Amino acid sequence: MPSRASKNAKKRRPQDPVLLAKSIMEDIIGEKWDRPAPVEHPPEREKNPHAVAMSKLGASKGGKARAASMTPKQRSKIAKKAAKARWGEVA
């Protein structure tokens, strides 16, 4: 029967099959495979300045132009629908 001291002399293999395969391959080729450190914050996506300017231009006009083209009855109907969606019943 082997002594307990001999158990510590062996290199313990991981239980996970993927890590086990990695460990075996590292032993065969004699290199360590280290993962590169993950990037903490991905780089910001570059936005097209022209598209950003056009978006701001349209957004500043949109709601005002829509409200100006509606009748008071249409605006009231839309407001009631929004209140019902938010609170569950007409306010």
PDB file of N, CA and C in Angstrom:
ATOM      1  N   MET A   1       0.852  -1.176   0.000  1.00  0.00           N
ATOM      2  CA  MET A   1       0.000   0.000   0.000  1.00  0.00           C
ATOM      3  C   MET A   1       0.897   1.239   0.000  1.00  0.00           C
ATOM      4  N   PRO A   2       0.644   2.213  -0.920  1.00  0.00           N
ATOM      5  CA  PRO A   2       1.486   3.399  -0.956  1.00  0.00           C
ATOM      6  C   PRO A   2       1.247   4.284   0.257  1.00  0.00           C
ATOM      7  N   SER A   3       2.286   4.945   0.655  1.00  0.00           N
ATOM      8  CA  SER A   3       2.134   5.847   1.795  1.00  0.00           C
ATOM      9  C   SER A   3       1.503   7.154   1.332  1.00  0.00           C
ATOM     10  N   ARG A   4       1.028   7.912   2.273  1.00  0.00           N
ATOM     11  CA  ARG A   4       0.394   9.186   1.937  1.00  0.00           C
ATOM     12  C   ARG A   4       1.404  10.198   1.407  1.00  0.00           C
ATOM     13  N   ALA A   5       2.640  10.059   1.795  1.00  0.00           N
ATOM     14  CA  ALA A   5       3.674  10.984   1.345  1.00  0.00           C
ATOM     15  C   ALA A   5       3.872  10.897  -0.159  1.00  0.00           C
ATOM     16  N   SER A   6       3.695   9.712  -0.741  1.00  0.00           N
ATOM     17  CA  SER A   6       3.895   9.566  -2.184  1.00  0.00           C
ATOM     18  C   SER A   6       2.784  10.242  -2.974  1.00  0.00           C
ATOM     19  N   LYS A   7       1.634  10.443  -2.356  1.00  0.00           N
ATOM     20  CA  LYS A   7       0.515  11.082  -3.031  1.00  0.00           C
ATOM     21  C   LYS A   7       0.845  12.537  -3.365  1.00  0.00           C
ATOM     22  N   ASN A   8       1.541  13.212  -2.484  1.00  0.00           N
ATOM     23  CA  ASN A   8       1.877  14.619  -2.693  1.00  0.00           C
ATOM     24  C   ASN A   8       2.986  14.798  -3.718  1.00  0.00           C
ATOM     25  N   ALA A   9       3.764  13.758  -3.970  1.00  0.00           N
ATOM     26  CA  ALA A   9       4.871  13.873  -4.907  1.00  0.00           C
ATOM     27  C   ALA A   9       4.375  13.967  -6.350  1.00  0.00           C
ATOM     28  N   LYS A  10       3.208  13.385  -6.658  1.00  0.00           N
ATOM     29  CA  LYS A  10       2.669  13.406  -8.013  1.00  0.00           C
ATOM     30  C   LYS A  10       2.001  14.749  -8.290  1.00  0.00           C
ATOM     31  N   LYS A  11       2.047  15.107  -9.562  1.00  0.00           N
ATOM     32  CA  LYS A  11       1.354  16.323  -9.973  1.00  0.00           C
ATOM     33  C   LYS A  11      -0.135  16.012 -10.112  1.00  0.00           C
ATOM     34  N   ARG A  12      -0.970  16.782  -9.463  1.00  0.00           N
ATOM     35  CA  ARG A  12      -2.410  16.543  -9.526  1.00  0.00           C
ATOM     36  C   ARG A  12      -2.955  17.057 -10.836  1.00  0.00           C
ATOM     37  N   ARG A  13      -3.776  16.272 -11.469  1.00  0.00           N
ATOM     38  CA  ARG A  13      -4.411  16.645 -12.731  1.00  0.00           C
ATOM     39  C   ARG A  13      -5.780  17.263 -12.450  1.00  0.00           C
ATOM     40  N   PRO A  14      -6.179  18.231 -13.269  1.00  0.00           N
ATOM     41  CA  PRO A  14      -7.505  18.822 -13.079  1.00  0.00           C
ATOM     42  C   PRO A  14      -8.613  17.811 -13.402  1.00  0.00           C
ATOM     43  N   GLN A  15      -9.768  17.987 -12.778  1.00  0.00           N
ATOM     44  CA  GLN A  15     -10.909  17.104 -13.010  1.00  0.00           C
ATOM     45  C   GLN A  15     -11.672  17.481 -14.280  1.00  0.00           C
ATOM     46  N   ASP A  16     -11.647  18.736 -14.644  1.00  0.00           N
ATOM     47  CA  ASP A  16     -12.338  19.204 -15.846  1.00  0.00           C
ATOM     48  C   ASP A  16     -11.655  18.619 -17.081  1.00  0.00           C
ATOM     49  N   PRO A  17     -12.403  17.986 -18.009  1.00  0.00           N
ATOM     50  CA  PRO A  17     -11.774  17.349 -19.163  1.00  0.00           C
ATOM     51  C   PRO A  17     -11.010  18.314 -20.065  1.00  0.00           C
ATOM     52  N   VAL A  18     -11.502  19.525 -20.212  1.00  0.00           N
ATOM     53  CA  VAL A  18     -10.811  20.495 -21.065  1.00  0.00           C
ATOM     54  C   VAL A  18      -9.485  20.909 -20.424  1.00  0.00           C
ATOM     55  N   LEU A  19      -9.524  21.190 -19.133  1.00  0.00           N
ATOM     56  CA  LEU A  19      -8.289  21.570 -18.440  1.00  0.00           C
ATOM     57  C   LEU A  19      -7.316  20.400 -18.371  1.00  0.00           C
ATOM     58  N   LEU A  20      -7.853  19.186 -18.257  1.00  0.00           N
ATOM     59  CA  LEU A  20      -7.010  17.992 -18.253  1.00  0.00           C
ATOM     60  C   LEU A  20      -6.286  17.850 -19.592  1.00  0.00           C
ATOM     61  N   ALA A  21      -7.021  18.022 -20.690  1.00  0.00           N
ATOM     62  CA  ALA A  21      -6.401  17.942 -22.018  1.00  0.00           C
ATOM     63  C   ALA A  21      -5.333  19.011 -22.178  1.00  0.00           C
ATOM     64  N   LYS A  22      -5.615  20.208 -21.691  1.00  0.00           N
ATOM     65  CA  LYS A  22      -4.639  21.297 -21.774  1.00  0.00           C
ATOM     66  C   LYS A  22      -3.384  20.953 -20.981  1.00  0.00           C
ATOM     67  N   SER A  23      -3.578  20.410 -19.786  1.00  0.00           N
ATOM     68  CA  SER A  23      -2.450  20.037 -18.933  1.00  0.00           C
ATOM     69  C   SER A  23      -1.594  18.955 -19.595  1.00  0.00           C
ATOM     70  N   ILE A  24      -2.243  17.967 -20.199  1.00  0.00           N
ATOM     71  CA  ILE A  24      -1.505  16.897 -20.879  1.00  0.00           C
ATOM     72  C   ILE A  24      -0.712  17.451 -22.059  1.00  0.00           C
ATOM     73  N   MET A  25      -1.337  18.318 -22.854  1.00  0.00           N
ATOM     74  CA  MET A  25      -0.641  18.909 -24.003  1.00  0.00           C
ATOM     75  C   MET A  25       0.536  19.772 -23.553  1.00  0.00           C
ATOM     76  N   GLU A  26       0.371  20.512 -22.456  1.00  0.00           N
ATOM     77  CA  GLU A  26       1.478  21.315 -21.934  1.00  0.00           C
ATOM     78  C   GLU A  26       2.642  20.420 -21.534  1.00  0.00           C
ATOM     79  N   ASP A  27       2.340  19.269 -20.919  1.00  0.00           N
ATOM     80  CA  ASP A  27       3.402  18.336 -20.527  1.00  0.00           C
ATOM     81  C   ASP A  27       4.104  17.750 -21.761  1.00  0.00           C
ATOM     82  N   ILE A  28       3.340  17.434 -22.802  1.00  0.00           N
ATOM     83  CA  ILE A  28       3.912  16.829 -24.008  1.00  0.00           C
ATOM     84  C   ILE A  28       4.847  17.798 -24.720  1.00  0.00           C
ATOM     85  N   ILE A  29       4.397  19.037 -24.931  1.00  0.00           N
ATOM     86  CA  ILE A  29       5.217  19.982 -25.695  1.00  0.00           C
ATOM     87  C   ILE A  29       6.210  20.737 -24.821  1.00  0.00           C
ATOM     88  N   GLY A  30       6.034  20.680 -23.516  1.00  0.00           N
ATOM     89  CA  GLY A  30       6.980  21.325 -22.606  1.00  0.00           C
ATOM     90  C   GLY A  30       6.829  22.828 -22.500  1.00  0.00           C
ATOM     91  N   GLU A  31       5.674  23.359 -22.851  1.00  0.00           N
ATOM     92  CA  GLU A  31       5.407  24.797 -22.736  1.00  0.00           C
ATOM     93  C   GLU A  31       4.170  25.015 -21.878  1.00  0.00           C
ATOM     94  N   LYS A  32       4.070  26.202 -21.334  1.00  0.00           N
ATOM     95  CA  LYS A  32       2.865  26.581 -20.607  1.00  0.00           C
ATOM     96  C   LYS A  32       2.036  27.489 -21.507  1.00  0.00           C
ATOM     97  N   TRP A  33       0.757  27.189 -21.577  1.00  0.00           N
ATOM     98  CA  TRP A  33      -0.158  28.030 -22.345  1.00  0.00           C
ATOM     99  C   TRP A  33      -0.866  28.960 -21.381  1.00  0.00           C
ATOM    100  N   ASP A  34      -0.519  30.202 -21.431  1.00  0.00           N
ATOM    101  CA  ASP A  34      -1.174  31.192 -20.582  1.00  0.00           C
ATOM    102  C   ASP A  34      -2.099  32.023 -21.436  1.00  0.00           C
ATOM    103  N   ARG A  35      -3.269  32.242 -20.905  1.00  0.00           N
ATOM    104  CA  ARG A  35      -4.217  33.095 -21.617  1.00  0.00           C
ATOM    105  C   ARG A  35      -3.770  34.539 -21.513  1.00  0.00           C
ATOM    106  N   PRO A  36      -3.975  35.316 -22.574  1.00  0.00           N
ATOM    107  CA  PRO A  36      -3.702  36.745 -22.432  1.00  0.00           C
ATOM    108  C   PRO A  36      -4.733  37.373 -21.501  1.00  0.00           C
ATOM    109  N   ALA A  37      -4.313  38.385 -20.794  1.00  0.00           N
ATOM    110  CA  ALA A  37      -5.220  39.045 -19.857  1.00  0.00           C
ATOM    111  C   ALA A  37      -6.377  39.662 -20.633  1.00  0.00           C
ATOM    112  N   PRO A  38      -7.606  39.492 -20.154  1.00  0.00           N
ATOM    113  CA  PRO A  38      -8.746  40.065 -20.873  1.00  0.00           C
ATOM    114  C   PRO A  38      -8.714  41.589 -20.803  1.00  0.00           C
ATOM    115  N   VAL A  39      -9.205  42.216 -21.833  1.00  0.00           N
ATOM    116  CA  VAL A  39      -9.283  43.669 -21.871  1.00  0.00           C
ATOM    117  C   VAL A  39     -10.376  44.094 -20.897  1.00  0.00           C
ATOM    118  N   GLU A  40     -10.039  44.992 -19.996  1.00  0.00           N
ATOM    119  CA  GLU A  40     -10.997  45.385 -18.976  1.00  0.00           C
ATOM    120  C   GLU A  40     -12.171  46.165 -19.560  1.00  0.00           C
ATOM    121  N   HIS A  41     -11.879  47.134 -20.398  1.00  0.00           N
ATOM    122  CA  HIS A  41     -12.928  47.936 -21.010  1.00  0.00           C
ATOM    123  C   HIS A  41     -12.730  47.896 -22.516  1.00  0.00           C
ATOM    124  N   PRO A  42     -13.736  47.416 -23.245  1.00  0.00           N
ATOM    125  CA  PRO A  42     -13.576  47.417 -24.701  1.00  0.00           C
ATOM    126  C   PRO A  42     -13.489  48.853 -25.209  1.00  0.00           C
ATOM    127  N   PRO A  43     -12.775  49.077 -26.271  1.00  0.00           N
ATOM    128  CA  PRO A  43     -12.640  50.446 -26.775  1.00  0.00           C
ATOM    129  C   PRO A  43     -13.990  51.000 -27.236  1.00  0.00           C
ATOM    130  N   GLU A  44     -14.153  52.285 -27.058  1.00  0.00           N
ATOM    131  CA  GLU A  44     -15.382  52.948 -27.465  1.00  0.00           C
ATOM    132  C   GLU A  44     -15.534  52.859 -28.982  1.00  0.00           C
ATOM    133  N   ARG A  45     -16.768  52.657 -29.424  1.00  0.00           N
ATOM    134  CA  ARG A  45     -17.031  52.593 -30.852  1.00  0.00           C
ATOM    135  C   ARG A  45     -17.008  54.007 -31.420  1.00  0.00           C
ATOM    136  N   GLU A  46     -16.326  54.168 -32.524  1.00  0.00           N
ATOM    137  CA  GLU A  46     -16.247  55.476 -33.169  1.00  0.00           C
ATOM    138  C   GLU A  46     -17.569  55.771 -33.870  1.00  0.00           C
ATOM    139  N   LYS A  47     -18.106  56.940 -33.647  1.00  0.00           N
ATOM    140  CA  LYS A  47     -19.352  57.338 -34.292  1.00  0.00           C
ATOM    141  C   LYS A  47     -19.049  58.351 -35.392  1.00  0.00           C
ATOM    142  N   ASN A  48     -19.857  58.283 -36.408  1.00  0.00           N
ATOM    143  CA  ASN A  48     -19.723  59.220 -37.515  1.00  0.00           C
ATOM    144  C   ASN A  48     -20.247  60.579 -37.046  1.00  0.00           C
ATOM    145  N   PRO A  49     -19.403  61.611 -37.007  1.00  0.00           N
ATOM    146  CA  PRO A  49     -19.850  62.912 -36.497  1.00  0.00           C
ATOM    147  C   PRO A  49     -21.000  63.506 -37.313  1.00  0.00           C
ATOM    148  N   HIS A  50     -21.006  63.246 -38.632  1.00  0.00           N
ATOM    149  CA  HIS A  50     -22.079  63.770 -39.477  1.00  0.00           C
ATOM    150  C   HIS A  50     -23.420  63.138 -39.089  1.00  0.00           C
ATOM    151  N   ALA A  51     -23.413  61.822 -38.842  1.00  0.00           N
ATOM    152  CA  ALA A  51     -24.635  61.124 -38.457  1.00  0.00           C
ATOM    153  C   ALA A  51     -25.130  61.609 -37.094  1.00  0.00           C
ATOM    154  N   VAL A  52     -24.211  61.870 -36.175  1.00  0.00           N
ATOM    155  CA  VAL A  52     -24.590  62.362 -34.849  1.00  0.00           C
ATOM    156  C   VAL A  52     -25.247  63.737 -34.970  1.00  0.00           C
ATOM    157  N   ALA A  53     -24.681  64.600 -35.804  1.00  0.00           N
ATOM    158  CA  ALA A  53     -25.235  65.938 -35.993  1.00  0.00           C
ATOM    159  C   ALA A  53     -26.624  65.870 -36.623  1.00  0.00           C
ATOM    160  N   MET A  54     -26.795  64.993 -37.615  1.00  0.00           N
ATOM    161  CA  MET A  54     -28.098  64.865 -38.261  1.00  0.00           C
ATOM    162  C   MET A  54     -29.136  64.324 -37.285  1.00  0.00           C
ATOM    163  N   SER A  55     -28.730  63.402 -36.411  1.00  0.00           N
ATOM    164  CA  SER A  55     -29.647  62.835 -35.428  1.00  0.00           C
ATOM    165  C   SER A  55     -30.130  63.906 -34.462  1.00  0.00           C
ATOM    166  N   LYS A  56     -29.210  64.730 -33.990  1.00  0.00           N
ATOM    167  CA  LYS A  56     -29.586  65.797 -33.059  1.00  0.00           C
ATOM    168  C   LYS A  56     -30.501  66.807 -33.727  1.00  0.00           C
ATOM    169  N   LEU A  57     -30.252  67.088 -34.986  1.00  0.00           N
ATOM    170  CA  LEU A  57     -31.060  68.050 -35.723  1.00  0.00           C
ATOM    171  C   LEU A  57     -32.493  67.537 -35.857  1.00  0.00           C
ATOM    172  N   GLY A  58     -32.629  66.260 -36.216  1.00  0.00           N
ATOM    173  CA  GLY A  58     -33.960  65.679 -36.384  1.00  0.00           C
ATOM    174  C   GLY A  58     -34.694  65.534 -35.068  1.00  0.00           C
ATOM    175  N   ALA A  59     -33.983  65.180 -34.011  1.00  0.00           N
ATOM    176  CA  ALA A  59     -34.612  64.981 -32.709  1.00  0.00           C
ATOM    177  C   ALA A  59     -35.151  66.291 -32.149  1.00  0.00           C
ATOM    178  N   SER A  60     -34.472  67.389 -32.420  1.00  0.00           N
ATOM    179  CA  SER A  60     -34.928  68.668 -31.879  1.00  0.00           C
ATOM    180  C   SER A  60     -36.191  69.150 -32.585  1.00  0.00           C
ATOM    181  N   LYS A  61     -36.404  68.720 -33.819  1.00  0.00           N
ATOM    182  CA  LYS A  61     -37.592  69.144 -34.562  1.00  0.00           C
ATOM    183  C   LYS A  61     -38.769  68.194 -34.373  1.00  0.00           C
ATOM    184  N   GLY A  62     -38.474  66.902 -34.230  1.00  0.00           N
ATOM    185  CA  GLY A  62     -39.487  65.861 -34.319  1.00  0.00           C
ATOM    186  C   GLY A  62     -40.731  66.038 -33.482  1.00  0.00           C
ATOM    187  N   GLY A  63     -40.591  66.111 -32.158  1.00  0.00           N
ATOM    188  CA  GLY A  63     -41.744  66.181 -31.274  1.00  0.00           C
ATOM    189  C   GLY A  63     -42.552  67.450 -31.462  1.00  0.00           C
ATOM    190  N   LYS A  64     -41.876  68.558 -31.646  1.00  0.00           N
ATOM    191  CA  LYS A  64     -42.573  69.837 -31.819  1.00  0.00           C
ATOM    192  C   LYS A  64     -43.366  69.857 -33.125  1.00  0.00           C
ATOM    193  N   ALA A  65     -42.756  69.351 -34.190  1.00  0.00           N
ATOM    194  CA  ALA A  65     -43.433  69.334 -35.487  1.00  0.00           C
ATOM    195  C   ALA A  65     -44.633  68.397 -35.448  1.00  0.00           C
ATOM    196  N   ARG A  66     -44.499  67.260 -34.776  1.00  0.00           N
ATOM    197  CA  ARG A  66     -45.604  66.310 -34.683  1.00  0.00           C
ATOM    198  C   ARG A  66     -46.761  66.903 -33.882  1.00  0.00           C
ATOM    199  N   ALA A  67     -46.430  67.536 -32.755  1.00  0.00           N
ATOM    200  CA  ALA A  67     -47.473  68.138 -31.922  1.00  0.00           C
ATOM    201  C   ALA A  67     -48.184  69.267 -32.664  1.00  0.00           C
ATOM    202  N   ALA A  68     -47.446  70.049 -33.453  1.00  0.00           N
ATOM    203  CA  ALA A  68     -48.046  71.165 -34.179  1.00  0.00           C
ATOM    204  C   ALA A  68     -48.992  70.677 -35.271  1.00  0.00           C
ATOM    205  N   SER A  69     -48.739  69.500 -35.814  1.00  0.00           N
ATOM    206  CA  SER A  69     -49.576  69.006 -36.908  1.00  0.00           C
ATOM    207  C   SER A  69     -50.831  68.277 -36.423  1.00  0.00           C
ATOM    208  N   MET A  70     -50.954  68.015 -35.115  1.00  0.00           N
ATOM    209  CA  MET A  70     -52.102  67.272 -34.578  1.00  0.00           C
ATOM    210  C   MET A  70     -53.169  68.212 -34.043  1.00  0.00           C
ATOM    211  N   THR A  71     -54.384  67.688 -34.034  1.00  0.00           N
ATOM    212  CA  THR A  71     -55.483  68.425 -33.420  1.00  0.00           C
ATOM    213  C   THR A  71     -55.439  68.163 -31.918  1.00  0.00           C
ATOM    214  N   PRO A  72     -56.071  69.027 -31.127  1.00  0.00           N
ATOM    215  CA  PRO A  72     -56.097  68.792 -29.678  1.00  0.00           C
ATOM    216  C   PRO A  72     -56.718  67.439 -29.314  1.00  0.00           C
ATOM    217  N   LYS A  73     -57.706  66.983 -30.082  1.00  0.00           N
ATOM    218  CA  LYS A  73     -58.351  65.698 -29.813  1.00  0.00           C
ATOM    219  C   LYS A  73     -57.348  64.548 -30.013  1.00  0.00           C
ATOM    220  N   GLN A  74     -56.537  64.628 -31.065  1.00  0.00           N
ATOM    221  CA  GLN A  74     -55.528  63.589 -31.320  1.00  0.00           C
ATOM    222  C   GLN A  74     -54.479  63.564 -30.204  1.00  0.00           C
ATOM    223  N   ARG A  75     -54.037  64.755 -29.782  1.00  0.00           N
ATOM    224  CA  ARG A  75     -53.052  64.826 -28.695  1.00  0.00           C
ATOM    225  C   ARG A  75     -53.613  64.230 -27.407  1.00  0.00           C
ATOM    226  N   SER A  76     -54.884  64.509 -27.124  1.00  0.00           N
ATOM    227  CA  SER A  76     -55.525  63.981 -25.928  1.00  0.00           C
ATOM    228  C   SER A  76     -55.614  62.455 -25.983  1.00  0.00           C
ATOM    229  N   LYS A  77     -55.947  61.927 -27.149  1.00  0.00           N
ATOM    230  CA  LYS A  77     -56.059  60.473 -27.313  1.00  0.00           C
ATOM    231  C   LYS A  77     -54.707  59.804 -27.073  1.00  0.00           C
ATOM    232  N   ILE A  78     -53.642  60.382 -27.612  1.00  0.00           N
ATOM    233  CA  ILE A  78     -52.298  59.837 -27.431  1.00  0.00           C
ATOM    234  C   ILE A  78     -51.872  59.931 -25.969  1.00  0.00           C
ATOM    235  N   ALA A  79     -52.193  61.037 -25.301  1.00  0.00           N
ATOM    236  CA  ALA A  79     -51.833  61.208 -23.891  1.00  0.00           C
ATOM    237  C   ALA A  79     -52.565  60.192 -23.013  1.00  0.00           C
ATOM    238  N   LYS A  80     -53.834  59.922 -23.310  1.00  0.00           N
ATOM    239  CA  LYS A  80     -54.587  58.930 -22.543  1.00  0.00           C
ATOM    240  C   LYS A  80     -54.011  57.533 -22.741  1.00  0.00           C
ATOM    241  N   LYS A  81     -53.632  57.228 -23.973  1.00  0.00           N
ATOM    242  CA  LYS A  81     -53.037  55.921 -24.263  1.00  0.00           C
ATOM    243  C   LYS A  81     -51.715  55.759 -23.506  1.00  0.00           C
ATOM    244  N   ALA A  82     -50.902  56.831 -23.455  1.00  0.00           N
ATOM    245  CA  ALA A  82     -49.623  56.785 -22.735  1.00  0.00           C
ATOM    246  C   ALA A  82     -49.848  56.619 -21.232  1.00  0.00           C
ATOM    247  N   ALA A  83     -50.835  57.320 -20.683  1.00  0.00           N
ATOM    248  CA  ALA A  83     -51.131  57.208 -19.251  1.00  0.00           C
ATOM    249  C   ALA A  83     -51.608  55.797 -18.916  1.00  0.00           C
ATOM    250  N   LYS A  84     -52.428  55.221 -19.796  1.00  0.00           N
ATOM    251  CA  LYS A  84     -52.917  53.861 -19.570  1.00  0.00           C
ATOM    252  C   LYS A  84     -51.772  52.858 -19.611  1.00  0.00           C
ATOM    253  N   ALA A  85     -50.841  53.051 -20.540  1.00  0.00           N
ATOM    254  CA  ALA A  85     -49.687  52.156 -20.637  1.00  0.00           C
ATOM    255  C   ALA A  85     -48.789  52.278 -19.404  1.00  0.00           C
ATOM    256  N   ARG A  86     -48.694  53.492 -18.861  1.00  0.00           N
ATOM    257  CA  ARG A  86     -47.797  53.698 -17.727  1.00  0.00           C
ATOM    258  C   ARG A  86     -48.420  53.262 -16.403  1.00  0.00           C
ATOM    259  N   TRP A  87     -49.658  53.637 -16.163  1.00  0.00           N
ATOM    260  CA  TRP A  87     -50.268  53.378 -14.866  1.00  0.00           C
ATOM    261  C   TRP A  87     -51.365  52.316 -14.893  1.00  0.00           C
ATOM    262  N   GLY A  88     -51.760  51.872 -16.047  1.00  0.00           N
ATOM    263  CA  GLY A  88     -52.757  50.811 -16.130  1.00  0.00           C
ATOM    264  C   GLY A  88     -54.174  51.305 -16.307  1.00  0.00           C
ATOM    265  N   GLU A  89     -54.426  52.540 -16.074  1.00  0.00           N
ATOM    266  CA  GLU A  89     -55.755  53.090 -16.313  1.00  0.00           C
ATOM    267  C   GLU A  89     -55.621  54.573 -16.646  1.00  0.00           C
ATOM    268  N   VAL A  90     -56.648  55.154 -17.190  1.00  0.00           N
ATOM    269  CA  VAL A  90     -56.605  56.549 -17.603  1.00  0.00           C
ATOM    270  C   VAL A  90     -56.538  57.437 -16.372  1.00  0.00           C
ATOM    271  N   ALA A  91     -55.608  58.339 -16.379  1.00  0.00           N
ATOM    272  CA  ALA A  91     -55.409  59.212 -15.216  1.00  0.00           C
ATOM    273  C   ALA A  91     -56.458  60.310 -15.178  1.00  0.00           C
TER     274      ALA A  91
END
